Amino acid sequence: MIYGVTFAQKNKSCKVLVPEISESYKGGCKDSLADGKGRAKGIDIYKGEFKNGLPDGKGKYEYENGNVFTGNYKDGLKHGEGKFVYSVAGKSYTQKGYWANGDYVGLSNPEISHRVIMTTGVDKIDVNKLNGDINKIKISFYAMLIKNVPLGLKISPSSGQVTQTAQDFFITNSSLGSNFIDIEYTIIKAGQKKVCLVSIEIIQNGNYEVIVTNE
C-alpha cells in the first residue's frame, strides 16, 4: 500500500477552459476540470495553479511568441503581483507591478489604499477609506476620548493644502498619486512634554478619515 502519492492526470476528461492551453493537461483534477497544480499546453504553455479549469494562483505563462508572464492569476486572468517579459522589434523589456482582471494597473497594489509608515508616541491610529469620489483627507485628534487640537501641531502633506474647521483638519486639492503626510505634535504625560510623530502614505486618491489617539 502506498501513501502520500498524488497521481498526475493526462487525459481529455480533465478540461482546461482557456483555449490557448487546452490541448493537453497534466496535473490535479476536480469535477473533470483542472484544479490544483498542473501543466497545460496548446499554442501557449502554462505551469502553475488551477481552479475550476482556469489558471488561478501563482503560475508561469509562456506565449507562442516567446513572451513570458510570471505571477498571480484569478479566474484565468492576470490578477495581483507579477512580472511580464516581452520583446518589441527584437529588444527585450520587463514590466513589473500589479495586474487587475487582466490589465496592468501600475507599481502599487490596487487592493491597498494606504499604509502607516511610522508612529512615535501615539497610542492608536485609524485610517479609513470612505465612500465617495471626493479627494479629501480629514484628520482628527483625540486625548482621553476627547477631540482636541494638540500642542505644536504640524501637518505636512507632500501634496495639497491643509485647512482647519473647528477641531478637524482637512487636506484637499492634492495631486494624483501617492500623498505622504507627516504629522508632529506635543502631549503632556506625567508632567513631561512628549513629541508624537506620524507618517502616512495615501496610495489611492479618495475620501479618507484619519483618527490619531493618545489615551
C-alpha atoms as a PDB file:
ATOM      1  CA  MET A   1       0.000   0.000   0.000  1.00  0.00           C
ATOM      2  CA  ILE A   2       1.393   3.432  -0.998  1.00  0.00           C
ATOM      3  CA  TYR A   3       0.545   6.549   0.945  1.00  0.00           C
ATOM      4  CA  GLY A   4       1.012  10.266   0.199  1.00  0.00           C
ATOM      5  CA  VAL A   5       1.195   9.960  -3.597  1.00  0.00           C
ATOM      6  CA  THR A   6      -0.707  12.253  -5.961  1.00  0.00           C
ATOM      7  CA  PHE A   7      -1.132  10.780  -9.429  1.00  0.00           C
ATOM      8  CA  ALA A   8      -0.894  13.276 -12.256  1.00  0.00           C
ATOM      9  CA  GLN A   9      -3.630  13.117 -14.831  1.00  0.00           C
ATOM     10  CA  LYS A  10      -3.148  13.379 -18.548  1.00  0.00           C
ATOM     11  CA  ASN A  11      -6.423  12.851 -20.281  1.00  0.00           C
ATOM     12  CA  LYS A  12      -9.118  14.782 -22.059  1.00  0.00           C
ATOM     13  CA  SER A  13     -11.623  14.139 -19.278  1.00  0.00           C
ATOM     14  CA  CYS A  14      -9.868  16.825 -17.196  1.00  0.00           C
ATOM     15  CA  LYS A  15     -10.501  20.067 -19.068  1.00  0.00           C
ATOM     16  CA  VAL A  16      -8.677  23.387 -19.202  1.00  0.00           C
ATOM     17  CA  LEU A  17     -11.057  26.184 -20.175  1.00  0.00           C
ATOM     18  CA  VAL A  18      -8.505  28.518 -21.777  1.00  0.00           C
ATOM     19  CA  PRO A  19      -8.400  27.543 -25.498  1.00  0.00           C
ATOM     20  CA  GLU A  20      -4.741  28.537 -25.976  1.00  0.00           C
ATOM     21  CA  ILE A  21      -3.573  25.959 -23.391  1.00  0.00           C
ATOM     22  CA  SER A  22      -6.302  23.311 -23.703  1.00  0.00           C
ATOM     23  CA  GLU A  23      -4.605  20.781 -25.988  1.00  0.00           C
ATOM     24  CA  SER A  24      -3.068  18.699 -23.186  1.00  0.00           C
ATOM     25  CA  TYR A  25      -3.047  18.819 -19.400  1.00  0.00           C
ATOM     26  CA  LYS A  26      -1.160  17.055 -16.654  1.00  0.00           C
ATOM     27  CA  GLY A  27      -1.940  17.731 -13.010  1.00  0.00           C
ATOM     28  CA  GLY A  28      -4.646  17.911 -10.379  1.00  0.00           C
ATOM     29  CA  CYS A  29      -8.265  17.474 -11.330  1.00  0.00           C
ATOM     30  CA  LYS A  30     -11.642  18.054  -9.682  1.00  0.00           C
ATOM     31  CA  ASP A  31     -15.075  17.517 -11.219  1.00  0.00           C
ATOM     32  CA  SER A  32     -13.433  16.959 -14.630  1.00  0.00           C
ATOM     33  CA  LEU A  33     -11.731  20.380 -14.511  1.00  0.00           C
ATOM     34  CA  ALA A  34      -8.070  21.269 -13.913  1.00  0.00           C
ATOM     35  CA  ASP A  35      -7.707  22.021 -10.226  1.00  0.00           C
ATOM     36  CA  GLY A  36      -4.554  22.338  -8.124  1.00  0.00           C
ATOM     37  CA  LYS A  37      -1.033  22.339  -9.544  1.00  0.00           C
ATOM     38  CA  GLY A  38      -0.628  21.374 -13.162  1.00  0.00           C
ATOM     39  CA  ARG A  39       0.794  21.997 -16.618  1.00  0.00           C
ATOM     40  CA  ALA A  40      -1.352  22.848 -19.612  1.00  0.00           C
ATOM     41  CA  LYS A  41      -0.210  23.122 -23.210  1.00  0.00           C
ATOM     42  CA  GLY A  42      -1.600  24.323 -26.511  1.00  0.00           C
ATOM     43  CA  ILE A  43      -0.160  27.081 -28.672  1.00  0.00           C
ATOM     44  CA  ASP A  44       0.875  28.547 -25.285  1.00  0.00           C
ATOM     45  CA  ILE A  45       2.129  26.813 -22.125  1.00  0.00           C
ATOM     46  CA  TYR A  46       1.048  27.413 -18.530  1.00  0.00           C
ATOM     47  CA  LYS A  47       2.529  25.805 -15.446  1.00  0.00           C
ATOM     48  CA  GLY A  48       1.130  26.616 -12.026  1.00  0.00           C
ATOM     49  CA  GLU A  49      -2.069  26.589 -10.013  1.00  0.00           C
ATOM     50  CA  PHE A  50      -5.553  25.972 -11.405  1.00  0.00           C
ATOM     51  CA  LYS A  51      -9.087  26.282 -10.079  1.00  0.00           C
ATOM     52  CA  ASN A  52     -12.274  25.268 -11.877  1.00  0.00           C
ATOM     53  CA  GLY A  53     -10.363  24.720 -15.115  1.00  0.00           C
ATOM     54  CA  LEU A  54      -8.681  28.137 -15.138  1.00  0.00           C
ATOM     55  CA  PRO A  55      -5.276  29.469 -14.059  1.00  0.00           C
ATOM     56  CA  ASP A  56      -5.833  30.671 -10.509  1.00  0.00           C
ATOM     57  CA  GLY A  57      -2.986  31.403  -8.102  1.00  0.00           C
ATOM     58  CA  LYS A  58       0.725  31.521  -8.877  1.00  0.00           C
ATOM     59  CA  GLY A  59       1.905  30.436 -12.277  1.00  0.00           C
ATOM     60  CA  LYS A  60       4.093  30.947 -15.316  1.00  0.00           C
ATOM     61  CA  TYR A  61       2.550  31.534 -18.736  1.00  0.00           C
ATOM     62  CA  GLU A  62       4.699  31.203 -21.871  1.00  0.00           C
ATOM     63  CA  TYR A  63       3.183  32.719 -25.003  1.00  0.00           C
ATOM     64  CA  GLU A  64       3.690  31.356 -28.507  1.00  0.00           C
ATOM     65  CA  ASN A  65       5.669  34.488 -29.440  1.00  0.00           C
ATOM     66  CA  GLY A  66       8.159  33.951 -26.586  1.00  0.00           C
ATOM     67  CA  ASN A  67       6.723  36.473 -24.116  1.00  0.00           C
ATOM     68  CA  VAL A  68       6.501  35.212 -20.523  1.00  0.00           C
ATOM     69  CA  PHE A  69       4.330  36.277 -17.587  1.00  0.00           C
ATOM     70  CA  THR A  70       5.226  35.034 -14.117  1.00  0.00           C
ATOM     71  CA  GLY A  71       2.887  35.954 -11.286  1.00  0.00           C
ATOM     72  CA  ASN A  72      -0.642  35.648  -9.982  1.00  0.00           C
ATOM     73  CA  TYR A  73      -3.857  34.716 -11.735  1.00  0.00           C
ATOM     74  CA  LYS A  74      -7.518  34.833 -10.797  1.00  0.00           C
ATOM     75  CA  ASP A  75     -10.310  33.241 -12.844  1.00  0.00           C
ATOM     76  CA  GLY A  76      -7.924  32.802 -15.775  1.00  0.00           C
ATOM     77  CA  LEU A  77      -6.730  36.422 -15.849  1.00  0.00           C
ATOM     78  CA  LYS A  78      -3.584  38.113 -14.572  1.00  0.00           C
ATOM     79  CA  HIS A  79      -4.511  39.446 -11.159  1.00  0.00           C
ATOM     80  CA  GLY A  80      -2.087  40.571  -8.464  1.00  0.00           C
ATOM     81  CA  GLU A  81       1.678  40.977  -8.485  1.00  0.00           C
ATOM     82  CA  GLY A  82       3.655  39.761 -11.447  1.00  0.00           C
ATOM     83  CA  LYS A  83       6.431  40.209 -13.999  1.00  0.00           C
ATOM     84  CA  PHE A  84       5.948  40.324 -17.762  1.00  0.00           C
ATOM     85  CA  VAL A  85       8.972  39.809 -20.020  1.00  0.00           C
ATOM     86  CA  TYR A  86       8.279  40.696 -23.658  1.00  0.00           C
ATOM     87  CA  SER A  87      10.068  41.646 -26.858  1.00  0.00           C
ATOM     88  CA  VAL A  88       9.483  44.514 -29.283  1.00  0.00           C
ATOM     89  CA  ALA A  89      11.499  44.726 -32.511  1.00  0.00           C
ATOM     90  CA  GLY A  90      13.943  42.180 -31.149  1.00  0.00           C
ATOM     91  CA  LYS A  91      14.578  44.089 -27.913  1.00  0.00           C
ATOM     92  CA  SER A  92      13.588  42.563 -24.557  1.00  0.00           C
ATOM     93  CA  TYR A  93      11.652  44.530 -21.921  1.00  0.00           C
ATOM     94  CA  THR A  94      10.482  43.716 -18.394  1.00  0.00           C
ATOM     95  CA  GLN A  95       7.325  45.092 -16.822  1.00  0.00           C
ATOM     96  CA  LYS A  96       6.843  44.597 -13.086  1.00  0.00           C
ATOM     97  CA  GLY A  97       3.939  45.585 -10.890  1.00  0.00           C
ATOM     98  CA  TYR A  98       0.302  44.687 -10.395  1.00  0.00           C
ATOM     99  CA  TRP A  99      -2.486  43.486 -12.659  1.00  0.00           C
ATOM    100  CA  ALA A 100      -6.243  43.581 -12.073  1.00  0.00           C
ATOM    101  CA  ASN A 101      -8.619  41.428 -14.122  1.00  0.00           C
ATOM    102  CA  GLY A 102      -6.009  41.047 -16.856  1.00  0.00           C
ATOM    103  CA  ASP A 103      -4.974  44.708 -17.091  1.00  0.00           C
ATOM    104  CA  TYR A 104      -1.730  46.260 -15.859  1.00  0.00           C
ATOM    105  CA  VAL A 105      -2.543  48.858 -13.166  1.00  0.00           C
ATOM    106  CA  GLY A 106       0.898  50.050 -12.064  1.00  0.00           C
ATOM    107  CA  LEU A 107       3.565  49.531  -9.423  1.00  0.00           C
ATOM    108  CA  SER A 108       1.207  49.935  -6.449  1.00  0.00           C
ATOM    109  CA  ASN A 109      -1.136  47.213  -5.233  1.00  0.00           C
ATOM    110  CA  PRO A 110      -4.665  48.440  -6.095  1.00  0.00           C
ATOM    111  CA  GLU A 111      -6.055  46.485  -3.149  1.00  0.00           C
ATOM    112  CA  ILE A 112      -4.001  48.556  -0.671  1.00  0.00           C
ATOM    113  CA  SER A 113      -5.247  52.146  -0.365  1.00  0.00           C
ATOM    114  CA  HIS A 114      -2.877  53.388   2.348  1.00  0.00           C
ATOM    115  CA  ARG A 115      -0.157  52.446   4.789  1.00  0.00           C
ATOM    116  CA  VAL A 116       1.106  53.772   8.098  1.00  0.00           C
ATOM    117  CA  ILE A 117       4.849  54.216   7.678  1.00  0.00           C
ATOM    118  CA  MET A 118       5.801  55.237  11.213  1.00  0.00           C
ATOM    119  CA  THR A 119       4.349  56.269  14.580  1.00  0.00           C
ATOM    120  CA  THR A 120       6.134  57.543  17.699  1.00  0.00           C
ATOM    121  CA  GLY A 121       4.378  58.343  20.958  1.00  0.00           C
ATOM    122  CA  VAL A 122       0.926  57.603  19.508  1.00  0.00           C
ATOM    123  CA  ASP A 123      -1.322  55.031  21.171  1.00  0.00           C
ATOM    124  CA  LYS A 124      -3.596  54.380  18.195  1.00  0.00           C
ATOM    125  CA  ILE A 125      -4.102  55.490  14.616  1.00  0.00           C
ATOM    126  CA  ASP A 126      -7.038  54.614  12.377  1.00  0.00           C
ATOM    127  CA  VAL A 127      -7.053  55.304   8.628  1.00  0.00           C
ATOM    128  CA  ASN A 128     -10.365  54.622   6.912  1.00  0.00           C
ATOM    129  CA  LYS A 129     -11.231  54.949   3.223  1.00  0.00           C
ATOM    130  CA  LEU A 130     -14.773  56.295   2.964  1.00  0.00           C
ATOM    131  CA  ASN A 131     -17.314  56.128   0.164  1.00  0.00           C
ATOM    132  CA  GLY A 132     -17.480  58.860  -2.417  1.00  0.00           C
ATOM    133  CA  ASP A 133     -15.362  60.184  -5.265  1.00  0.00           C
ATOM    134  CA  ILE A 134     -14.195  63.309  -3.454  1.00  0.00           C
ATOM    135  CA  ASN A 135     -10.440  63.630  -2.943  1.00  0.00           C
ATOM    136  CA  LYS A 136     -10.199  64.718   0.696  1.00  0.00           C
ATOM    137  CA  ILE A 137      -8.411  63.644   3.880  1.00  0.00           C
ATOM    138  CA  LYS A 138      -9.930  64.525   7.259  1.00  0.00           C
ATOM    139  CA  ILE A 139      -7.616  64.325  10.292  1.00  0.00           C
ATOM    140  CA  SER A 140      -8.836  64.382  13.906  1.00  0.00           C
ATOM    141  CA  PHE A 141      -7.033  64.033  17.236  1.00  0.00           C
ATOM    142  CA  TYR A 142      -8.306  62.533  20.485  1.00  0.00           C
ATOM    143  CA  ALA A 143      -6.867  62.544  24.004  1.00  0.00           C
ATOM    144  CA  MET A 144      -8.695  60.697  26.801  1.00  0.00           C
ATOM    145  CA  LEU A 145     -11.643  60.186  24.388  1.00  0.00           C
ATOM    146  CA  ILE A 146     -11.970  63.954  23.862  1.00  0.00           C
ATOM    147  CA  LYS A 147     -11.394  65.580  20.486  1.00  0.00           C
ATOM    148  CA  ASN A 148      -8.718  68.253  20.675  1.00  0.00           C
ATOM    149  CA  VAL A 149      -6.077  70.231  18.810  1.00  0.00           C
ATOM    150  CA  PRO A 150      -2.667  69.083  20.076  1.00  0.00           C
ATOM    151  CA  LEU A 151       0.081  71.481  21.110  1.00  0.00           C
ATOM    152  CA  GLY A 152       2.559  72.488  18.426  1.00  0.00           C
ATOM    153  CA  LEU A 153       0.649  70.646  15.714  1.00  0.00           C
ATOM    154  CA  LYS A 154       2.266  70.457  12.275  1.00  0.00           C
ATOM    155  CA  ILE A 155       0.609  68.637   9.365  1.00  0.00           C
ATOM    156  CA  SER A 156       2.836  68.424   6.280  1.00  0.00           C
ATOM    157  CA  PRO A 157       1.436  66.682   3.175  1.00  0.00           C
ATOM    158  CA  SER A 158       3.551  66.136   0.083  1.00  0.00           C
ATOM    159  CA  SER A 159       0.615  67.452  -1.947  1.00  0.00           C
ATOM    160  CA  GLY A 160      -2.444  69.582  -1.230  1.00  0.00           C
ATOM    161  CA  GLN A 161      -3.498  72.328   1.163  1.00  0.00           C
ATOM    162  CA  VAL A 162      -4.269  71.970   4.883  1.00  0.00           C
ATOM    163  CA  THR A 163      -7.302  73.796   6.309  1.00  0.00           C
ATOM    164  CA  GLN A 164      -8.953  73.706   9.732  1.00  0.00           C
ATOM    165  CA  THR A 165     -12.649  73.600  10.596  1.00  0.00           C
ATOM    166  CA  ALA A 166     -13.295  73.653  14.360  1.00  0.00           C
ATOM    167  CA  GLN A 167     -11.142  70.789  15.708  1.00  0.00           C
ATOM    168  CA  ASP A 168     -10.842  68.914  12.423  1.00  0.00           C
ATOM    169  CA  PHE A 169      -8.169  69.328   9.746  1.00  0.00           C
ATOM    170  CA  PHE A 170      -8.592  68.714   6.024  1.00  0.00           C
ATOM    171  CA  ILE A 171      -6.160  68.099   3.172  1.00  0.00           C
ATOM    172  CA  THR A 172      -7.661  68.992  -0.201  1.00  0.00           C
ATOM    173  CA  ASN A 173      -6.544  69.684  -3.785  1.00  0.00           C
ATOM    174  CA  SER A 174      -3.839  67.027  -3.676  1.00  0.00           C
ATOM    175  CA  SER A 175      -2.355  65.851  -6.970  1.00  0.00           C
ATOM    176  CA  LEU A 176      -2.759  62.354  -8.417  1.00  0.00           C
ATOM    177  CA  GLY A 177      -0.557  59.628  -6.988  1.00  0.00           C
ATOM    178  CA  SER A 178       0.730  58.864  -3.515  1.00  0.00           C
ATOM    179  CA  ASN A 179       0.460  61.560  -0.862  1.00  0.00           C
ATOM    180  CA  PHE A 180       2.896  61.348   2.046  1.00  0.00           C
ATOM    181  CA  ILE A 181       1.646  63.024   5.224  1.00  0.00           C
ATOM    182  CA  ASP A 182       3.892  63.839   8.185  1.00  0.00           C
ATOM    183  CA  ILE A 183       2.264  64.848  11.485  1.00  0.00           C
ATOM    184  CA  GLU A 184       4.062  66.214  14.534  1.00  0.00           C
ATOM    185  CA  TYR A 185       2.638  67.423  17.846  1.00  0.00           C
ATOM    186  CA  THR A 186       3.335  67.510  21.579  1.00  0.00           C
ATOM    187  CA  ILE A 187       1.484  65.999  24.538  1.00  0.00           C
ATOM    188  CA  ILE A 188       1.993  66.361  28.286  1.00  0.00           C
ATOM    189  CA  LYS A 189       2.406  62.996  30.001  1.00  0.00           C
ATOM    190  CA  ALA A 190       3.369  62.604  33.673  1.00  0.00           C
ATOM    191  CA  GLY A 191       4.271  66.288  33.718  1.00  0.00           C
ATOM    192  CA  GLN A 192       6.704  65.879  30.822  1.00  0.00           C
ATOM    193  CA  LYS A 193       6.451  67.060  27.226  1.00  0.00           C
ATOM    194  CA  LYS A 194       6.469  64.239  24.720  1.00  0.00           C
ATOM    195  CA  VAL A 195       6.815  64.637  20.964  1.00  0.00           C
ATOM    196  CA  CYS A 196       4.478  62.496  18.845  1.00  0.00           C
ATOM    197  CA  LEU A 197       5.190  61.697  15.197  1.00  0.00           C
ATOM    198  CA  VAL A 198       3.089  60.049  12.480  1.00  0.00           C
ATOM    199  CA  SER A 199       3.914  59.304   8.833  1.00  0.00           C
ATOM    200  CA  ILE A 200       1.205  58.031   6.485  1.00  0.00           C
ATOM    201  CA  GLU A 201       1.153  57.264   2.779  1.00  0.00           C
ATOM    202  CA  ILE A 202      -2.185  57.624   0.996  1.00  0.00           C
ATOM    203  CA  ILE A 203      -1.650  55.394  -2.039  1.00  0.00           C
ATOM    204  CA  GLN A 204      -5.018  55.742  -3.747  1.00  0.00           C
ATOM    205  CA  ASN A 205      -6.768  59.076  -4.091  1.00  0.00           C
ATOM    206  CA  GLY A 206     -10.137  59.253  -2.398  1.00  0.00           C
ATOM    207  CA  ASN A 207     -12.090  60.269   0.674  1.00  0.00           C
ATOM    208  CA  TYR A 208     -10.281  59.364   3.924  1.00  0.00           C
ATOM    209  CA  GLU A 209     -10.672  59.797   7.650  1.00  0.00           C
ATOM    210  CA  VAL A 210      -7.584  59.695   9.881  1.00  0.00           C
ATOM    211  CA  ILE A 211      -8.040  59.467  13.655  1.00  0.00           C
ATOM    212  CA  VAL A 212      -4.987  59.850  15.901  1.00  0.00           C
ATOM    213  CA  THR A 213      -5.467  58.883  19.544  1.00  0.00           C
ATOM    214  CA  ASN A 214      -3.466  59.297  22.747  1.00  0.00           C
ATOM    215  CA  GLU A 215      -5.023  57.596  25.759  1.00  0.00           C
END
